């Protein structure tokens, strides 16, 4: 994308923050982020996000299969600009793949896909490292100082939005779990003429005896009860 004036950029970033806030769930948020980065950051042709899930780094929401392949390639190689950005907590800039000597195999394969430059930004909030946003360019030296500055701001907005979306998802999941456990308690109270505390103790004992999560035991009981009613 061509450079924008400071006023245009401020308005664009403000609109982006509103759009990300309006998304429902992490998936929609990620797609909004990569599409915005491709539109806003000068030089960006393809964009992908690598998320940390446990001990794995997973490629998510690529704007193009090229971005997905290069994000996944770094996992296969066990090294690359994205993994370095995550590990060293820094922005990584490859100006020209043909002269890049830190990741020779990655650079060689990237050029085979028509990628000649790259920016990788760590996505983090104060308490958590979420992943990295990877921008790929079709020409050498297509990322300028402005690209780095704009990309940094987009990455900051993205990290906050991702953290918020994940927290909202966890909250909804917790509410759903509490609801199904409450239903299961009610079933046991009715079947066995016991108190709520006694019903909950029965659920926790079944969970411990079967080595199955409490919420999954509750879901099974509710499902069985609903089947009996049909």
Foldseek 3Di string as FASTA:
>chain_A
DDDDDPVVLVVLLVVLLVVLLPDAALQRNQLSLQVSLCVHQFQFDKKWWWWDDPPDTAIGNIPDVLRRVLSVVCVVVVHDQFVCCLVVVDKDKFQFLVPDDPCVVSSVVNVVVQFTIKIKHFQDDPVDGTGIMITTGNDGRRHDPRSVVSVHSSSPSSNVSNVVNVVVVVVVVVVVLVVLLVVQLVVCCVVPVDDSVVSNVVLVVVCVVVVHDSSVSSVVSVVVVVVVVD
